Amino acid sequence: MKLEKLTKDLEKILLKLEEVLSLEKSEINRDSAIKRFEIAFDIAWKTLKTYLEEKYGIICKSPKGCIREAFTQGLIEYDDYWLKIVDLRNSTVHIYSEYMADEVYEELPKVLVYLKTLYNKMRE
């Protein structure tokens, strides 16, 4: 039940992230995309945590730990970009400049592809 709810929540926020990324870039749309990314990432790693626990009996306590376990279990292919996504999420807490916000925003279309891949793997 918990996994099913998280998966549905993840699907919804991924659609919202995709929606805002399809809009013309403006400061408001950029900031909205970054916020939706934060939410999507948080739901994605918590969904992954629950998935690993329910399907494999694996307990992981951090986003990077869960992603490493997903590699180990063959759920996703090893790619350093997954760890960059975690770092991007961590950096959003400390965005104090337009430059940093723009850097994160520019990565979001690629991040969306990765999060959708994870979502689809967990639905299989």
PDB file of N, CA and C in Angstrom:
ATOM      1  N   MET A   1       0.819  -1.202   0.000  1.00  0.00           N
ATOM      2  CA  MET A   1       0.000   0.000   0.000  1.00  0.00           C
ATOM      3  C   MET A   1       0.860   1.262   0.000  1.00  0.00           C
ATOM      4  N   LYS A   2       1.862   1.297   0.865  1.00  0.00           N
ATOM      5  CA  LYS A   2       2.728   2.468   0.939  1.00  0.00           C
ATOM      6  C   LYS A   2       3.452   2.685  -0.389  1.00  0.00           C
ATOM      7  N   LEU A   3       3.960   1.598  -0.966  1.00  0.00           N
ATOM      8  CA  LEU A   3       4.672   1.698  -2.236  1.00  0.00           C
ATOM      9  C   LEU A   3       3.742   2.185  -3.342  1.00  0.00           C
ATOM     10  N   GLU A   4       2.523   1.692  -3.352  1.00  0.00           N
ATOM     11  CA  GLU A   4       1.545   2.091  -4.372  1.00  0.00           C
ATOM     12  C   GLU A   4       1.244   3.590  -4.277  1.00  0.00           C
ATOM     13  N   LYS A   5       1.058   4.103  -3.063  1.00  0.00           N
ATOM     14  CA  LYS A   5       0.780   5.531  -2.874  1.00  0.00           C
ATOM     15  C   LYS A   5       1.979   6.372  -3.309  1.00  0.00           C
ATOM     16  N   LEU A   6       3.174   5.971  -2.896  1.00  0.00           N
ATOM     17  CA  LEU A   6       4.377   6.711  -3.271  1.00  0.00           C
ATOM     18  C   LEU A   6       4.558   6.724  -4.794  1.00  0.00           C
ATOM     19  N   THR A   7       4.300   5.589  -5.421  1.00  0.00           N
ATOM     20  CA  THR A   7       4.448   5.495  -6.870  1.00  0.00           C
ATOM     21  C   THR A   7       3.474   6.441  -7.577  1.00  0.00           C
ATOM     22  N   LYS A   8       2.250   6.506  -7.094  1.00  0.00           N
ATOM     23  CA  LYS A   8       1.262   7.427  -7.675  1.00  0.00           C
ATOM     24  C   LYS A   8       1.682   8.884  -7.455  1.00  0.00           C
ATOM     25  N   ASP A   9       2.181   9.178  -6.257  1.00  0.00           N
ATOM     26  CA  ASP A   9       2.653  10.538  -5.965  1.00  0.00           C
ATOM     27  C   ASP A   9       3.827  10.903  -6.873  1.00  0.00           C
ATOM     28  N   LEU A  10       4.713   9.942  -7.098  1.00  0.00           N
ATOM     29  CA  LEU A  10       5.867  10.182  -7.962  1.00  0.00           C
ATOM     30  C   LEU A  10       5.408  10.461  -9.390  1.00  0.00           C
ATOM     31  N   GLU A  11       4.467   9.675  -9.867  1.00  0.00           N
ATOM     32  CA  GLU A  11       3.942   9.894 -11.216  1.00  0.00           C
ATOM     33  C   GLU A  11       3.384  11.310 -11.358  1.00  0.00           C
ATOM     34  N   LYS A  12       2.619  11.751 -10.378  1.00  0.00           N
ATOM     35  CA  LYS A  12       1.999  13.079 -10.429  1.00  0.00           C
ATOM     36  C   LYS A  12       3.045  14.189 -10.448  1.00  0.00           C
ATOM     37  N   ILE A  13       4.045  14.097  -9.587  1.00  0.00           N
ATOM     38  CA  ILE A  13       5.031  15.180  -9.517  1.00  0.00           C
ATOM     39  C   ILE A  13       5.936  15.168 -10.744  1.00  0.00           C
ATOM     40  N   LEU A  14       6.194  14.006 -11.315  1.00  0.00           N
ATOM     41  CA  LEU A  14       6.981  13.972 -12.552  1.00  0.00           C
ATOM     42  C   LEU A  14       6.230  14.667 -13.688  1.00  0.00           C
ATOM     43  N   LEU A  15       4.931  14.481 -13.730  1.00  0.00           N
ATOM     44  CA  LEU A  15       4.119  15.185 -14.737  1.00  0.00           C
ATOM     45  C   LEU A  15       4.149  16.696 -14.503  1.00  0.00           C
ATOM     46  N   LYS A  16       4.125  17.096 -13.247  1.00  0.00           N
ATOM     47  CA  LYS A  16       4.178  18.529 -12.931  1.00  0.00           C
ATOM     48  C   LYS A  16       5.544  19.119 -13.274  1.00  0.00           C
ATOM     49  N   LEU A  17       6.602  18.363 -13.029  1.00  0.00           N
ATOM     50  CA  LEU A  17       7.939  18.833 -13.395  1.00  0.00           C
ATOM     51  C   LEU A  17       8.056  18.951 -14.911  1.00  0.00           C
ATOM     52  N   GLU A  18       7.564  17.949 -15.608  1.00  0.00           N
ATOM     53  CA  GLU A  18       7.583  17.982 -17.071  1.00  0.00           C
ATOM     54  C   GLU A  18       6.784  19.190 -17.589  1.00  0.00           C
ATOM     55  N   GLU A  19       5.647  19.444 -16.968  1.00  0.00           N
ATOM     56  CA  GLU A  19       4.802  20.566 -17.373  1.00  0.00           C
ATOM     57  C   GLU A  19       5.552  21.894 -17.255  1.00  0.00           C
ATOM     58  N   VAL A  20       6.164  22.145 -16.131  1.00  0.00           N
ATOM     59  CA  VAL A  20       6.841  23.431 -15.934  1.00  0.00           C
ATOM     60  C   VAL A  20       8.076  23.548 -16.825  1.00  0.00           C
ATOM     61  N   LEU A  21       8.726  22.429 -17.119  1.00  0.00           N
ATOM     62  CA  LEU A  21       9.889  22.472 -18.004  1.00  0.00           C
ATOM     63  C   LEU A  21       9.485  22.736 -19.458  1.00  0.00           C
ATOM     64  N   SER A  22       8.219  22.503 -19.785  1.00  0.00           N
ATOM     65  CA  SER A  22       7.753  22.762 -21.153  1.00  0.00           C
ATOM     66  C   SER A  22       7.415  24.243 -21.373  1.00  0.00           C
ATOM     67  N   LEU A  23       7.361  24.996 -20.295  1.00  0.00           N
ATOM     68  CA  LEU A  23       7.038  26.420 -20.393  1.00  0.00           C
ATOM     69  C   LEU A  23       8.280  27.230 -20.745  1.00  0.00           C
ATOM     70  N   GLU A  24       8.030  28.406 -21.289  1.00  0.00           N
ATOM     71  CA  GLU A  24       9.143  29.304 -21.608  1.00  0.00           C
ATOM     72  C   GLU A  24       9.873  29.662 -20.315  1.00  0.00           C
ATOM     73  N   LYS A  25      11.190  29.715 -20.390  1.00  0.00           N
ATOM     74  CA  LYS A  25      11.970  30.016 -19.197  1.00  0.00           C
ATOM     75  C   LYS A  25      11.739  31.458 -18.751  1.00  0.00           C
ATOM     76  N   SER A  26      11.433  31.581 -17.489  1.00  0.00           N
ATOM     77  CA  SER A  26      11.341  32.871 -16.818  1.00  0.00           C
ATOM     78  C   SER A  26      11.830  32.616 -15.402  1.00  0.00           C
ATOM     79  N   GLU A  27      12.026  33.654 -14.641  1.00  0.00           N
ATOM     80  CA  GLU A  27      12.483  33.471 -13.268  1.00  0.00           C
ATOM     81  C   GLU A  27      11.470  32.664 -12.462  1.00  0.00           C
ATOM     82  N   ILE A  28      10.200  32.962 -12.652  1.00  0.00           N
ATOM     83  CA  ILE A  28       9.152  32.250 -11.912  1.00  0.00           C
ATOM     84  C   ILE A  28       9.100  30.780 -12.337  1.00  0.00           C
ATOM     85  N   ASN A  29       9.150  30.510 -13.637  1.00  0.00           N
ATOM     86  CA  ASN A  29       9.111  29.117 -14.108  1.00  0.00           C
ATOM     87  C   ASN A  29      10.360  28.355 -13.678  1.00  0.00           C
ATOM     88  N   ARG A  30      11.504  29.020 -13.721  1.00  0.00           N
ATOM     89  CA  ARG A  30      12.749  28.376 -13.267  1.00  0.00           C
ATOM     90  C   ARG A  30      12.632  27.982 -11.806  1.00  0.00           C
ATOM     91  N   ASP A  31      12.193  28.931 -10.979  1.00  0.00           N
ATOM     92  CA  ASP A  31      12.085  28.661  -9.544  1.00  0.00           C
ATOM     93  C   ASP A  31      11.048  27.578  -9.256  1.00  0.00           C
ATOM     94  N   SER A  32       9.960  27.591 -10.007  1.00  0.00           N
ATOM     95  CA  SER A  32       8.933  26.558  -9.862  1.00  0.00           C
ATOM     96  C   SER A  32       9.479  25.187 -10.256  1.00  0.00           C
ATOM     97  N   ALA A  33      10.240  25.151 -11.334  1.00  0.00           N
ATOM     98  CA  ALA A  33      10.843  23.882 -11.783  1.00  0.00           C
ATOM     99  C   ALA A  33      11.798  23.341 -10.733  1.00  0.00           C
ATOM    100  N   ILE A  34      12.585  24.212 -10.149  1.00  0.00           N
ATOM    101  CA  ILE A  34      13.530  23.773  -9.119  1.00  0.00           C
ATOM    102  C   ILE A  34      12.772  23.215  -7.912  1.00  0.00           C
ATOM    103  N   LYS A  35      11.721  23.882  -7.505  1.00  0.00           N
ATOM    104  CA  LYS A  35      10.923  23.392  -6.371  1.00  0.00           C
ATOM    105  C   LYS A  35      10.276  22.050  -6.709  1.00  0.00           C
ATOM    106  N   ARG A  36       9.743  21.927  -7.908  1.00  0.00           N
ATOM    107  CA  ARG A  36       9.133  20.653  -8.306  1.00  0.00           C
ATOM    108  C   ARG A  36      10.176  19.553  -8.400  1.00  0.00           C
ATOM    109  N   PHE A  37      11.394  19.899  -8.821  1.00  0.00           N
ATOM    110  CA  PHE A  37      12.488  18.928  -8.819  1.00  0.00           C
ATOM    111  C   PHE A  37      12.773  18.461  -7.396  1.00  0.00           C
ATOM    112  N   GLU A  38      12.855  19.393  -6.450  1.00  0.00           N
ATOM    113  CA  GLU A  38      13.112  19.022  -5.052  1.00  0.00           C
ATOM    114  C   GLU A  38      12.072  18.011  -4.567  1.00  0.00           C
ATOM    115  N   ILE A  39      10.816  18.304  -4.835  1.00  0.00           N
ATOM    116  CA  ILE A  39       9.729  17.420  -4.406  1.00  0.00           C
ATOM    117  C   ILE A  39       9.828  16.077  -5.127  1.00  0.00           C
ATOM    118  N   ALA A  40      10.043  16.126  -6.444  1.00  0.00           N
ATOM    119  CA  ALA A  40      10.142  14.881  -7.227  1.00  0.00           C
ATOM    120  C   ALA A  40      11.289  14.017  -6.728  1.00  0.00           C
ATOM    121  N   PHE A  41      12.429  14.637  -6.479  1.00  0.00           N
ATOM    122  CA  PHE A  41      13.567  13.859  -5.999  1.00  0.00           C
ATOM    123  C   PHE A  41      13.268  13.231  -4.647  1.00  0.00           C
ATOM    124  N   ASP A  42      12.703  14.013  -3.740  1.00  0.00           N
ATOM    125  CA  ASP A  42      12.409  13.483  -2.413  1.00  0.00           C
ATOM    126  C   ASP A  42      11.425  12.310  -2.481  1.00  0.00           C
ATOM    127  N   ILE A  43      10.393  12.452  -3.304  1.00  0.00           N
ATOM    128  CA  ILE A  43       9.442  11.341  -3.446  1.00  0.00           C
ATOM    129  C   ILE A  43      10.115  10.153  -4.137  1.00  0.00           C
ATOM    130  N   ALA A  44      10.954  10.418  -5.143  1.00  0.00           N
ATOM    131  CA  ALA A  44      11.620   9.332  -5.875  1.00  0.00           C
ATOM    132  C   ALA A  44      12.507   8.505  -4.958  1.00  0.00           C
ATOM    133  N   TRP A  45      13.314   9.153  -4.138  1.00  0.00           N
ATOM    134  CA  TRP A  45      14.213   8.351  -3.304  1.00  0.00           C
ATOM    135  C   TRP A  45      13.443   7.636  -2.199  1.00  0.00           C
ATOM    136  N   LYS A  46      12.364   8.243  -1.701  1.00  0.00           N
ATOM    137  CA  LYS A  46      11.559   7.562  -0.678  1.00  0.00           C
ATOM    138  C   LYS A  46      10.787   6.383  -1.297  1.00  0.00           C
ATOM    139  N   THR A  47      10.374   6.533  -2.539  1.00  0.00           N
ATOM    140  CA  THR A  47       9.735   5.422  -3.247  1.00  0.00           C
ATOM    141  C   THR A  47      10.748   4.308  -3.462  1.00  0.00           C
ATOM    142  N   LEU A  48      11.946   4.673  -3.888  1.00  0.00           N
ATOM    143  CA  LEU A  48      13.014   3.692  -4.077  1.00  0.00           C
ATOM    144  C   LEU A  48      13.343   2.984  -2.774  1.00  0.00           C
ATOM    145  N   LYS A  49      13.417   3.720  -1.690  1.00  0.00           N
ATOM    146  CA  LYS A  49      13.692   3.145  -0.360  1.00  0.00           C
ATOM    147  C   LYS A  49      12.642   2.091  -0.014  1.00  0.00           C
ATOM    148  N   THR A  50      11.377   2.450  -0.207  1.00  0.00           N
ATOM    149  CA  THR A  50      10.276   1.527   0.085  1.00  0.00           C
ATOM    150  C   THR A  50      10.303   0.333  -0.866  1.00  0.00           C
ATOM    151  N   TYR A  51      10.564   0.580  -2.133  1.00  0.00           N
ATOM    152  CA  TYR A  51      10.639  -0.487  -3.133  1.00  0.00           C
ATOM    153  C   TYR A  51      11.716  -1.502  -2.746  1.00  0.00           C
ATOM    154  N   LEU A  52      12.897  -1.025  -2.423  1.00  0.00           N
ATOM    155  CA  LEU A  52      14.000  -1.930  -2.062  1.00  0.00           C
ATOM    156  C   LEU A  52      13.672  -2.724  -0.808  1.00  0.00           C
ATOM    157  N   GLU A  53      13.012  -2.079   0.123  1.00  0.00           N
ATOM    158  CA  GLU A  53      12.640  -2.762   1.359  1.00  0.00           C
ATOM    159  C   GLU A  53      11.581  -3.842   1.101  1.00  0.00           C
ATOM    160  N   GLU A  54      10.545  -3.480   0.339  1.00  0.00           N
ATOM    161  CA  GLU A  54       9.447  -4.424   0.099  1.00  0.00           C
ATOM    162  C   GLU A  54       9.827  -5.545  -0.863  1.00  0.00           C
ATOM    163  N   LYS A  55      10.597  -5.244  -1.899  1.00  0.00           N
ATOM    164  CA  LYS A  55      10.918  -6.247  -2.918  1.00  0.00           C
ATOM    165  C   LYS A  55      12.138  -7.096  -2.577  1.00  0.00           C
ATOM    166  N   TYR A  56      13.116  -6.481  -1.875  1.00  0.00           N
ATOM    167  CA  TYR A  56      14.381  -7.180  -1.629  1.00  0.00           C
ATOM    168  C   TYR A  56      14.747  -7.302  -0.154  1.00  0.00           C
ATOM    169  N   GLY A  57      13.974  -6.682   0.718  1.00  0.00           N
ATOM    170  CA  GLY A  57      14.296  -6.710   2.137  1.00  0.00           C
ATOM    171  C   GLY A  57      15.533  -5.878   2.478  1.00  0.00           C
ATOM    172  N   ILE A  58      15.855  -4.923   1.623  1.00  0.00           N
ATOM    173  CA  ILE A  58      17.050  -4.095   1.804  1.00  0.00           C
ATOM    174  C   ILE A  58      16.653  -2.779   2.460  1.00  0.00           C
ATOM    175  N   ILE A  59      17.364  -2.445   3.517  1.00  0.00           N
ATOM    176  CA  ILE A  59      17.138  -1.181   4.205  1.00  0.00           C
ATOM    177  C   ILE A  59      18.237  -0.209   3.791  1.00  0.00           C
ATOM    178  N   CYS A  60      17.840   0.923   3.277  1.00  0.00           N
ATOM    179  CA  CYS A  60      18.806   1.988   2.974  1.00  0.00           C
ATOM    180  C   CYS A  60      18.295   3.250   3.647  1.00  0.00           C
ATOM    181  N   LYS A  61      19.227   4.091   4.051  1.00  0.00           N
ATOM    182  CA  LYS A  61      18.841   5.235   4.876  1.00  0.00           C
ATOM    183  C   LYS A  61      19.090   6.593   4.248  1.00  0.00           C
ATOM    184  N   SER A  62      19.725   6.616   3.090  1.00  0.00           N
ATOM    185  CA  SER A  62      20.028   7.897   2.467  1.00  0.00           C
ATOM    186  C   SER A  62      19.789   7.791   0.967  1.00  0.00           C
ATOM    187  N   PRO A  63      19.611   8.917   0.309  1.00  0.00           N
ATOM    188  CA  PRO A  63      19.425   8.869  -1.143  1.00  0.00           C
ATOM    189  C   PRO A  63      20.579   8.172  -1.867  1.00  0.00           C
ATOM    190  N   LYS A  64      21.812   8.536  -1.540  1.00  0.00           N
ATOM    191  CA  LYS A  64      22.946   7.909  -2.222  1.00  0.00           C
ATOM    192  C   LYS A  64      23.013   6.419  -1.911  1.00  0.00           C
ATOM    193  N   GLY A  65      22.712   6.043  -0.676  1.00  0.00           N
ATOM    194  CA  GLY A  65      22.703   4.628  -0.312  1.00  0.00           C
ATOM    195  C   GLY A  65      21.656   3.848  -1.085  1.00  0.00           C
ATOM    196  N   CYS A  66      20.481   4.436  -1.243  1.00  0.00           N
ATOM    197  CA  CYS A  66      19.413   3.772  -1.995  1.00  0.00           C
ATOM    198  C   CYS A  66      19.771   3.662  -3.470  1.00  0.00           C
ATOM    199  N   ILE A  67      20.382   4.692  -4.017  1.00  0.00           N
ATOM    200  CA  ILE A  67      20.771   4.646  -5.430  1.00  0.00           C
ATOM    201  C   ILE A  67      21.845   3.588  -5.636  1.00  0.00           C
ATOM    202  N   ARG A  68      22.803   3.512  -4.721  1.00  0.00           N
ATOM    203  CA  ARG A  68      23.840   2.464  -4.834  1.00  0.00           C
ATOM    204  C   ARG A  68      23.213   1.073  -4.771  1.00  0.00           C
ATOM    205  N   GLU A  69      22.225   0.900  -3.898  1.00  0.00           N
ATOM    206  CA  GLU A  69      21.532  -0.390  -3.812  1.00  0.00           C
ATOM    207  C   GLU A  69      20.755  -0.685  -5.093  1.00  0.00           C
ATOM    208  N   ALA A  70      20.174   0.335  -5.684  1.00  0.00           N
ATOM    209  CA  ALA A  70      19.458   0.143  -6.951  1.00  0.00           C
ATOM    210  C   ALA A  70      20.419  -0.324  -8.036  1.00  0.00           C
ATOM    211  N   PHE A  71      21.658   0.210  -8.033  1.00  0.00           N
ATOM    212  CA  PHE A  71      22.695  -0.267  -8.964  1.00  0.00           C
ATOM    213  C   PHE A  71      22.979  -1.738  -8.687  1.00  0.00           C
ATOM    214  N   THR A  72      23.223  -2.043  -7.414  1.00  0.00           N
ATOM    215  CA  THR A  72      23.592  -3.406  -7.006  1.00  0.00           C
ATOM    216  C   THR A  72      22.518  -4.418  -7.393  1.00  0.00           C
ATOM    217  N   GLN A  73      21.273  -4.032  -7.242  1.00  0.00           N
ATOM    218  CA  GLN A  73      20.162  -4.946  -7.544  1.00  0.00           C
ATOM    219  C   GLN A  73      19.820  -4.983  -9.033  1.00  0.00           C
ATOM    220  N   GLY A  74      20.494  -4.171  -9.832  1.00  0.00           N
ATOM    221  CA  GLY A  74      20.236  -4.161 -11.268  1.00  0.00           C
ATOM    222  C   GLY A  74      18.972  -3.420 -11.657  1.00  0.00           C
ATOM    223  N   LEU A  75      18.437  -2.647 -10.725  1.00  0.00           N
ATOM    224  CA  LEU A  75      17.224  -1.887 -11.013  1.00  0.00           C
ATOM    225  C   LEU A  75      17.534  -0.764 -12.005  1.00  0.00           C
ATOM    226  N   ILE A  76      18.659  -0.119 -11.807  1.00  0.00           N
ATOM    227  CA  ILE A  76      19.131   0.916 -12.726  1.00  0.00           C
ATOM    228  C   ILE A  76      20.587   0.616 -13.054  1.00  0.00           C
ATOM    229  N   GLU A  77      21.014   1.066 -14.214  1.00  0.00           N
ATOM    230  CA  GLU A  77      22.404   0.864 -14.603  1.00  0.00           C
ATOM    231  C   GLU A  77      23.277   1.879 -13.906  1.00  0.00           C
ATOM    232  N   TYR A  78      24.515   1.461 -13.610  1.00  0.00           N
ATOM    233  CA  TYR A  78      25.436   2.380 -12.951  1.00  0.00           C
ATOM    234  C   TYR A  78      25.704   3.570 -13.859  1.00  0.00           C
ATOM    235  N   ASP A  79      25.595   4.743 -13.276  1.00  0.00           N
ATOM    236  CA  ASP A  79      25.846   5.980 -13.988  1.00  0.00           C
ATOM    237  C   ASP A  79      26.123   7.048 -12.926  1.00  0.00           C
ATOM    238  N   ASP A  80      27.268   7.685 -13.019  1.00  0.00           N
ATOM    239  CA  ASP A  80      27.631   8.727 -12.053  1.00  0.00           C
ATOM    240  C   ASP A  80      26.617   9.861 -12.002  1.00  0.00           C
ATOM    241  N   TYR A  81      25.846  10.012 -13.076  1.00  0.00           N
ATOM    242  CA  TYR A  81      24.881  11.116 -13.097  1.00  0.00           C
ATOM    243  C   TYR A  81      23.844  10.982 -11.983  1.00  0.00           C
ATOM    244  N   TRP A  82      23.529   9.754 -11.587  1.00  0.00           N
ATOM    245  CA  TRP A  82      22.587   9.564 -10.475  1.00  0.00           C
ATOM    246  C   TRP A  82      23.096  10.260  -9.222  1.00  0.00           C
ATOM    247  N   LEU A  83      24.402  10.146  -8.970  1.00  0.00           N
ATOM    248  CA  LEU A  83      24.966  10.789  -7.786  1.00  0.00           C
ATOM    249  C   LEU A  83      25.002  12.304  -7.963  1.00  0.00           C
ATOM    250  N   LYS A  84      25.162  12.750  -9.195  1.00  0.00           N
ATOM    251  CA  LYS A  84      25.108  14.195  -9.472  1.00  0.00           C
ATOM    252  C   LYS A  84      23.708  14.725  -9.177  1.00  0.00           C
ATOM    253  N   ILE A  85      22.693  13.932  -9.477  1.00  0.00           N
ATOM    254  CA  ILE A  85      21.316  14.350  -9.188  1.00  0.00           C
ATOM    255  C   ILE A  85      21.142  14.578  -7.685  1.00  0.00           C
ATOM    256  N   VAL A  86      21.696  13.679  -6.884  1.00  0.00           N
ATOM    257  CA  VAL A  86      21.629  13.853  -5.423  1.00  0.00           C
ATOM    258  C   VAL A  86      22.329  15.153  -5.031  1.00  0.00           C
ATOM    259  N   ASP A  87      23.492  15.397  -5.613  1.00  0.00           N
ATOM    260  CA  ASP A  87      24.226  16.625  -5.303  1.00  0.00           C
ATOM    261  C   ASP A  87      23.454  17.869  -5.752  1.00  0.00           C
ATOM    262  N   LEU A  88      22.793  17.781  -6.908  1.00  0.00           N
ATOM    263  CA  LEU A  88      21.963  18.901  -7.364  1.00  0.00           C
ATOM    264  C   LEU A  88      20.857  19.194  -6.356  1.00  0.00           C
ATOM    265  N   ARG A  89      20.224  18.132  -5.896  1.00  0.00           N
ATOM    266  CA  ARG A  89      19.144  18.300  -4.901  1.00  0.00           C
ATOM    267  C   ARG A  89      19.686  18.951  -3.641  1.00  0.00           C
ATOM    268  N   ASN A  90      20.836  18.497  -3.200  1.00  0.00           N
ATOM    269  CA  ASN A  90      21.431  19.081  -2.000  1.00  0.00           C
ATOM    270  C   ASN A  90      21.786  20.549  -2.217  1.00  0.00           C
ATOM    271  N   SER A  91      22.204  20.886  -3.416  1.00  0.00           N
ATOM    272  CA  SER A  91      22.590  22.274  -3.690  1.00  0.00           C
ATOM    273  C   SER A  91      21.387  23.209  -3.742  1.00  0.00           C
ATOM    274  N   THR A  92      20.206  22.670  -4.037  1.00  0.00           N
ATOM    275  CA  THR A  92      19.032  23.549  -4.138  1.00  0.00           C
ATOM    276  C   THR A  92      18.686  24.176  -2.796  1.00  0.00           C
ATOM    277  N   VAL A  93      19.090  23.542  -1.734  1.00  0.00           N
ATOM    278  CA  VAL A  93      18.852  24.090  -0.401  1.00  0.00           C
ATOM    279  C   VAL A  93      19.683  25.357  -0.202  1.00  0.00           C
ATOM    280  N   HIS A  94      20.767  25.451  -0.951  1.00  0.00           N
ATOM    281  CA  HIS A  94      21.709  26.555  -0.759  1.00  0.00           C
ATOM    282  C   HIS A  94      21.800  27.485  -1.969  1.00  0.00           C
ATOM    283  N   ILE A  95      20.755  27.545  -2.780  1.00  0.00           N
ATOM    284  CA  ILE A  95      20.810  28.432  -3.943  1.00  0.00           C
ATOM    285  C   ILE A  95      20.613  29.871  -3.471  1.00  0.00           C
ATOM    286  N   TYR A  96      21.682  30.621  -3.570  1.00  0.00           N
ATOM    287  CA  TYR A  96      21.630  32.028  -3.183  1.00  0.00           C
ATOM    288  C   TYR A  96      21.869  32.939  -4.372  1.00  0.00           C
ATOM    289  N   SER A  97      22.163  32.373  -5.521  1.00  0.00           N
ATOM    290  CA  SER A  97      22.481  33.221  -6.658  1.00  0.00           C
ATOM    291  C   SER A  97      21.695  32.789  -7.888  1.00  0.00           C
ATOM    292  N   GLU A  98      21.491  33.728  -8.760  1.00  0.00           N
ATOM    293  CA  GLU A  98      20.835  33.446 -10.032  1.00  0.00           C
ATOM    294  C   GLU A  98      21.653  32.427 -10.829  1.00  0.00           C
ATOM    295  N   TYR A  99      22.955  32.564 -10.760  1.00  0.00           N
ATOM    296  CA  TYR A  99      23.850  31.671 -11.499  1.00  0.00           C
ATOM    297  C   TYR A  99      23.635  30.217 -11.075  1.00  0.00           C
ATOM    298  N   MET A 100      23.607  29.957  -9.774  1.00  0.00           N
ATOM    299  CA  MET A 100      23.395  28.588  -9.286  1.00  0.00           C
ATOM    300  C   MET A 100      22.015  28.072  -9.686  1.00  0.00           C
ATOM    301  N   ALA A 101      21.009  28.933  -9.573  1.00  0.00           N
ATOM    302  CA  ALA A 101      19.658  28.526  -9.950  1.00  0.00           C
ATOM    303  C   ALA A 101      19.604  28.167 -11.429  1.00  0.00           C
ATOM    304  N   ASP A 102      20.262  28.977 -12.246  1.00  0.00           N
ATOM    305  CA  ASP A 102      20.284  28.697 -13.686  1.00  0.00           C
ATOM    306  C   ASP A 102      21.021  27.394 -13.992  1.00  0.00           C
ATOM    307  N   GLU A 103      22.107  27.124 -13.272  1.00  0.00           N
ATOM    308  CA  GLU A 103      22.848  25.873 -13.480  1.00  0.00           C
ATOM    309  C   GLU A 103      21.975  24.660 -13.170  1.00  0.00           C
ATOM    310  N   VAL A 104      21.277  24.699 -12.058  1.00  0.00           N
ATOM    311  CA  VAL A 104      20.393  23.594 -11.689  1.00  0.00           C
ATOM    312  C   VAL A 104      19.283  23.458 -12.724  1.00  0.00           C
ATOM    313  N   TYR A 105      18.677  24.558 -13.090  1.00  0.00           N
ATOM    314  CA  TYR A 105      17.567  24.546 -14.051  1.00  0.00           C
ATOM    315  C   TYR A 105      17.994  23.895 -15.370  1.00  0.00           C
ATOM    316  N   GLU A 106      19.178  24.208 -15.837  1.00  0.00           N
ATOM    317  CA  GLU A 106      19.664  23.660 -17.112  1.00  0.00           C
ATOM    318  C   GLU A 106      19.801  22.138 -17.068  1.00  0.00           C
ATOM    319  N   GLU A 107      20.000  21.578 -15.897  1.00  0.00           N
ATOM    320  CA  GLU A 107      20.138  20.121 -15.748  1.00  0.00           C
ATOM    321  C   GLU A 107      18.787  19.403 -15.666  1.00  0.00           C
ATOM    322  N   LEU A 108      17.743  20.133 -15.382  1.00  0.00           N
ATOM    323  CA  LEU A 108      16.462  19.483 -15.070  1.00  0.00           C
ATOM    324  C   LEU A 108      15.851  18.641 -16.191  1.00  0.00           C
ATOM    325  N   PRO A 109      15.967  19.008 -17.467  1.00  0.00           N
ATOM    326  CA  PRO A 109      15.427  18.092 -18.490  1.00  0.00           C
ATOM    327  C   PRO A 109      16.099  16.711 -18.449  1.00  0.00           C
ATOM    328  N   LYS A 110      17.401  16.676 -18.246  1.00  0.00           N
ATOM    329  CA  LYS A 110      18.110  15.394 -18.150  1.00  0.00           C
ATOM    330  C   LYS A 110      17.720  14.660 -16.866  1.00  0.00           C
ATOM    331  N   VAL A 111      17.607  15.394 -15.780  1.00  0.00           N
ATOM    332  CA  VAL A 111      17.190  14.799 -14.506  1.00  0.00           C
ATOM    333  C   VAL A 111      15.822  14.153 -14.663  1.00  0.00           C
ATOM    334  N   LEU A 112      14.919  14.833 -15.343  1.00  0.00           N
ATOM    335  CA  LEU A 112      13.572  14.295 -15.552  1.00  0.00           C
ATOM    336  C   LEU A 112      13.621  12.947 -16.262  1.00  0.00           C
ATOM    337  N   VAL A 113      14.471  12.816 -17.255  1.00  0.00           N
ATOM    338  CA  VAL A 113      14.617  11.544 -17.975  1.00  0.00           C
ATOM    339  C   VAL A 113      15.058  10.446 -17.004  1.00  0.00           C
ATOM    340  N   TYR A 114      16.018  10.745 -16.159  1.00  0.00           N
ATOM    341  CA  TYR A 114      16.514   9.762 -15.201  1.00  0.00           C
ATOM    342  C   TYR A 114      15.445   9.380 -14.184  1.00  0.00           C
ATOM    343  N   LEU A 115      14.723  10.363 -13.669  1.00  0.00           N
ATOM    344  CA  LEU A 115      13.682  10.055 -12.692  1.00  0.00           C
ATOM    345  C   LEU A 115      12.554   9.250 -13.313  1.00  0.00           C
ATOM    346  N   LYS A 116      12.220   9.541 -14.570  1.00  0.00           N
ATOM    347  CA  LYS A 116      11.199   8.746 -15.268  1.00  0.00           C
ATOM    348  C   LYS A 116      11.667   7.315 -15.470  1.00  0.00           C
ATOM    349  N   THR A 117      12.948   7.147 -15.776  1.00  0.00           N
ATOM    350  CA  THR A 117      13.513   5.804 -15.939  1.00  0.00           C
ATOM    351  C   THR A 117      13.370   5.011 -14.647  1.00  0.00           C
ATOM    352  N   LEU A 118      13.721   5.633 -13.534  1.00  0.00           N
ATOM    353  CA  LEU A 118      13.592   4.973 -12.236  1.00  0.00           C
ATOM    354  C   LEU A 118      12.138   4.630 -11.953  1.00  0.00           C
ATOM    355  N   TYR A 119      11.267   5.573 -12.194  1.00  0.00           N
ATOM    356  CA  TYR A 119       9.831   5.352 -11.981  1.00  0.00           C
ATOM    357  C   TYR A 119       9.349   4.144 -12.790  1.00  0.00           C
ATOM    358  N   ASN A 120       9.711   4.101 -14.069  1.00  0.00           N
ATOM    359  CA  ASN A 120       9.278   3.002 -14.928  1.00  0.00           C
ATOM    360  C   ASN A 120       9.840   1.669 -14.462  1.00  0.00           C
ATOM    361  N   LYS A 121      11.083   1.638 -14.005  1.00  0.00           N
ATOM    362  CA  LYS A 121      11.682   0.388 -13.513  1.00  0.00           C
ATOM    363  C   LYS A 121      10.938  -0.115 -12.282  1.00  0.00           C
ATOM    364  N   MET A 122      10.543   0.790 -11.408  1.00  0.00           N
ATOM    365  CA  MET A 122       9.852   0.374 -10.191  1.00  0.00           C
ATOM    366  C   MET A 122       8.428  -0.073 -10.488  1.00  0.00           C
ATOM    367  N   ARG A 123       7.882   0.342 -11.606  1.00  0.00           N
ATOM    368  CA  ARG A 123       6.521  -0.077 -11.982  1.00  0.00           C
ATOM    369  C   ARG A 123       6.503  -1.422 -12.673  1.00  0.00           C
ATOM    370  N   GLU A 124       7.640  -1.881 -13.191  1.00  0.00           N
ATOM    371  CA  GLU A 124       7.685  -3.164 -13.929  1.00  0.00           C
ATOM    372  C   GLU A 124       7.343  -4.340 -13.035  1.00  0.00           C
TER     373      GLU A 124
END
